[in-house]
Each structure stands twice: as structure tokens, then as C-alpha cells.
Protein backbone atom coordinates (compact mmCIF):
# COMPACT_ATOMS: atom_id res chain seq x y z
CA MET A 1 73.45 63.32 79.38
CA GLU A 2 76.60 65.11 80.58
CA GLU A 3 77.63 65.03 84.22
CA PRO A 4 77.40 68.53 85.78
CA LEU A 5 80.72 70.03 86.83
CA ALA A 6 81.41 70.08 90.55
CA LEU A 7 81.85 73.45 92.22
CA HIS A 8 84.74 73.91 94.62
CA PRO A 9 84.79 76.79 97.13
CA VAL A 10 87.68 79.26 96.86
CA LYS A 11 88.73 81.30 99.92
CA LEU A 12 91.35 83.95 100.50
CA TYR A 13 93.11 83.76 103.86
CA VAL A 14 94.38 87.16 104.99
CA TYR A 15 97.08 87.41 107.66
CA ASP A 16 98.45 90.58 109.26
CA LEU A 17 102.20 89.96 109.37
CA SER A 18 102.58 92.91 111.76
CA LYS A 19 100.19 91.32 114.30
CA GLY A 20 98.48 94.68 114.87
CA MET A 21 101.64 96.81 114.95
CA ALA A 22 100.89 98.43 111.57
CA ARG A 23 97.60 99.76 112.89
CA ARG A 24 99.29 101.26 115.96
CA LEU A 25 102.52 102.57 114.43
CA SER A 26 101.65 103.53 110.85
CA PRO A 27 100.16 106.96 111.68
CA PHE A 28 103.46 107.96 113.34
CA MET A 29 105.82 106.28 110.88
CA LEU A 30 103.98 106.78 107.59
CA GLY A 31 101.64 109.66 108.34
CA LYS A 32 98.68 107.48 107.36
CA GLN A 33 96.67 104.65 108.88
CA LEU A 34 97.38 101.10 107.71
CA ASP A 35 95.24 98.30 109.08
CA GLY A 36 97.90 95.63 108.53
CA ILE A 37 100.79 94.30 106.48
CA TRP A 38 98.99 91.63 104.50
CA HIS A 39 100.06 88.12 103.59
CA THR A 40 97.48 86.16 101.62
CA SER A 41 96.96 82.63 100.45
CA ILE A 42 94.36 80.74 98.43
CA ILE A 43 92.37 77.87 99.90
CA VAL A 44 90.97 75.43 97.33
CA HIS A 45 90.70 71.65 97.06
CA LYS A 46 91.25 71.30 100.84
CA ASP A 47 94.72 72.93 100.83
CA GLU A 48 96.25 76.36 101.40
CA PHE A 49 98.55 77.65 98.64
CA PHE A 50 100.89 80.63 98.99
CA TYR A 51 104.00 82.19 97.50
CA GLY A 52 107.18 83.47 99.09
CA SER A 53 110.90 83.54 98.58
CA GLY A 54 110.91 79.72 98.56
CA GLY A 55 108.45 79.58 95.66
CA ILE A 56 104.93 78.20 95.79
CA SER A 57 104.09 76.26 98.95
CA SER A 58 101.10 74.38 100.29
CA CYS A 59 99.83 73.14 103.62
CA ALA A 60 96.62 72.25 105.37
CA PRO A 61 94.47 75.38 105.81
CA GLY A 62 95.90 77.45 108.66
CA GLY A 63 98.91 75.11 108.79
CA THR A 64 101.70 77.69 108.66
CA LEU A 65 103.27 79.11 111.81
CA LEU A 66 101.18 82.24 111.15
CA GLY A 67 98.30 80.30 112.71
CA PRO A 68 94.69 81.07 111.87
CA PRO A 69 94.05 83.89 109.38
CA ASP A 70 92.97 87.33 110.59
CA SER A 71 90.14 87.23 108.05
CA VAL A 72 88.71 84.98 105.36
CA VAL A 73 87.32 86.33 102.10
CA ASP A 74 84.93 84.12 100.14
CA LEU A 75 86.00 84.44 96.49
CA GLY A 76 83.23 82.23 95.16
CA ASN A 77 83.42 78.82 93.52
CA THR A 78 85.42 77.26 90.74
CA GLU A 79 84.78 74.44 88.31
CA VAL A 80 88.54 73.91 87.91
CA THR A 81 89.37 70.37 88.96
CA GLU A 82 92.16 69.62 91.39
CA GLU A 83 94.19 67.94 88.65
CA ILE A 84 93.98 70.97 86.33
CA PHE A 85 94.68 73.33 89.23
CA LEU A 86 97.83 71.43 90.26
CA GLU A 87 99.06 71.46 86.66
CA TYR A 88 98.43 75.21 86.54
CA LEU A 89 100.34 75.72 89.82
CA SER A 90 103.21 73.63 88.55
CA SER A 91 103.50 75.80 85.45
CA LEU A 92 103.36 78.98 87.59
CA GLY A 93 106.09 77.58 89.84
CA GLU A 94 108.33 77.00 86.82
CA SER A 95 107.69 80.42 85.29
CA MET A 96 106.24 83.51 86.98
CA PHE A 97 106.39 82.35 90.60
CA ARG A 98 109.82 80.83 91.09
CA GLY A 99 111.39 81.62 94.48
CA GLU A 100 114.03 83.89 92.96
CA SER A 101 111.27 85.98 91.32
CA TYR A 102 109.91 87.04 94.71
CA HIS A 103 109.98 90.78 95.44
CA LEU A 104 108.38 92.28 98.54
CA PHE A 105 106.66 95.15 96.71
CA GLU A 106 106.21 94.10 93.10
CA HIS A 107 105.88 90.31 93.00
CA ASN A 108 104.77 88.80 96.29
CA CYS A 109 102.22 86.53 97.97
CA ASN A 110 99.41 88.96 97.13
CA THR A 111 100.42 89.04 93.45
CA PHE A 112 100.21 85.23 93.50
CA SER A 113 96.85 85.15 95.31
CA ASN A 114 95.43 87.70 92.85
CA GLU A 115 96.65 85.70 89.84
CA VAL A 116 95.30 82.40 91.18
CA ALA A 117 91.96 83.93 92.27
CA GLN A 118 91.41 85.26 88.75
CA PHE A 119 92.28 81.88 87.22
CA LEU A 120 89.89 80.04 89.53
CA THR A 121 86.98 82.48 89.82
CA GLY A 122 87.54 85.41 87.45
CA ARG A 123 87.61 87.69 90.52
CA LYS A 124 90.50 89.74 91.90
CA ILE A 125 91.41 89.87 95.57
CA PRO A 126 90.45 93.07 97.45
CA SER A 127 92.31 96.21 96.34
CA TYR A 128 93.15 97.24 99.93
CA ILE A 129 95.57 94.29 99.81
CA THR A 130 97.03 94.75 96.32
CA ASP A 131 97.35 98.55 96.70
CA LEU A 132 99.29 98.38 99.99
CA PRO A 133 102.85 98.39 98.54
CA ALA A 134 102.15 101.53 96.48
CA GLU A 135 100.58 103.20 99.54
CA ILE A 136 103.69 102.52 101.62
CA LEU A 137 106.12 103.58 98.89
CA ALA A 138 104.18 106.83 98.37
CA THR A 139 105.22 108.02 101.85
CA PRO A 140 108.58 109.66 102.64
CA PHE A 141 109.28 106.94 105.22
CA GLY A 142 108.52 104.22 102.65
CA GLN A 143 110.90 105.83 100.17
CA ALA A 144 113.62 106.14 102.80
CA LEU A 145 113.25 102.49 103.78
CA ARG A 146 112.87 101.14 100.25
CA PRO A 147 116.47 99.87 99.90
CA LEU A 148 116.09 97.88 103.13
CA LEU A 149 112.56 96.73 102.31
CA ASP A 150 113.59 95.62 98.81
CA SER A 151 116.02 93.11 100.34
CA ILE A 152 113.42 91.41 102.56
CA GLN A 153 112.39 87.90 101.58
CA ILE A 154 109.26 86.44 103.17
CA GLN A 155 108.51 82.74 103.33
CA PRO A 156 105.92 81.82 105.97
CA PRO A 157 107.24 78.78 107.84
CA GLY A 158 105.22 75.62 108.07
CA GLY A 159 104.31 74.87 104.46
CA ASN A 160 105.75 72.42 102.00
CA THR A 161 107.31 73.69 98.80
CA PHE A 162 104.82 72.84 96.10
CA SER A 163 105.79 70.54 93.31
CA ARG A 164 103.64 68.49 91.01
CA HIS A 165 105.10 65.42 92.66
CA ASN A 166 104.01 66.18 96.27
CA GLY A 167 102.12 62.93 96.42
CA GLN A 168 100.40 63.71 93.14
CA SER A 169 100.72 61.48 90.09
């Protein structure tokens, strides 16, 4: 008889990079209410994985200088083993999610979290997160600031750049 596959919980950590400022200032600056400027990461196999201008990074859950997440979304469970997941991450880090591919609006931490969530669970991350860049750019203020915003690189401090060889065989 075959051994049943183990299920591993998959969580989405959601951080407000503005620390509440978006909620207070967005009505005045953008003419619409934003609840936050979201950074996300995926928690699976006892680690937190995220993407920024330094590429894919990992740390213990909540181990970046961002501290604890503002919210946690349960994305379900995965049968993907840690070994297969790390191989998948390694291939992402060499292709779609290299550090130089980072772009604040079009290819960011939330793009990464969405891609990884779908690989692990078949589910996307919440649309209020993935739709945020388009919401900001649809405002006159967002359009005016786009050249400045396009140059911003975000890499949450406190993680280790992921590589297949981070203690893995």
C-alpha cells in the first residue's frame, strides 16, 4: 500500500509597508482610500520566502526587520515536498525572479507570492493585494509620481538571499 502524502500548511504574511500612513494619507493624496501598501511573503516548510530587488530571500517566519505581519491569510495546504519546493524556488530565482527583474508595480513581492501560492495550492492571493499597483497608477497623483516610483527597489532587510545551497544538499 502507498504511503499517503503529507500535507503542509501554506500561509501568506501580509505587511503594510506604510505602517498605517496609507490609510491616513491616501484620501488626500490619491483621492481614494487605501488600507495599506502591501508586502507579502509565503510561509511553507517552516520558512518565510519573499522577493525583492535582491532576488528571492528566506528567513524564519516574521524574521525580517518588518517584524510580525499585519495579517496572515491561510492559503490551504500543499502536498509539495520541501525538496521539490526548493528546486522550484531555485529555478524561479534563476529565471523569472532574479533581483534585476524586480519592478515595484509590475513584478514585485506580490507577483512572487501569487505565483508561489498557485504552484503550492492552486489558489491566488487576495485581489486587494495584486490590484493595488493598478489602483495607484489610475490616479493623477500615481501617474505624476510614476517616474519616481518606478525607480524604487524594495528588499526587506533581515532575510537571507535564497539559493539552493543555503544548507540544502
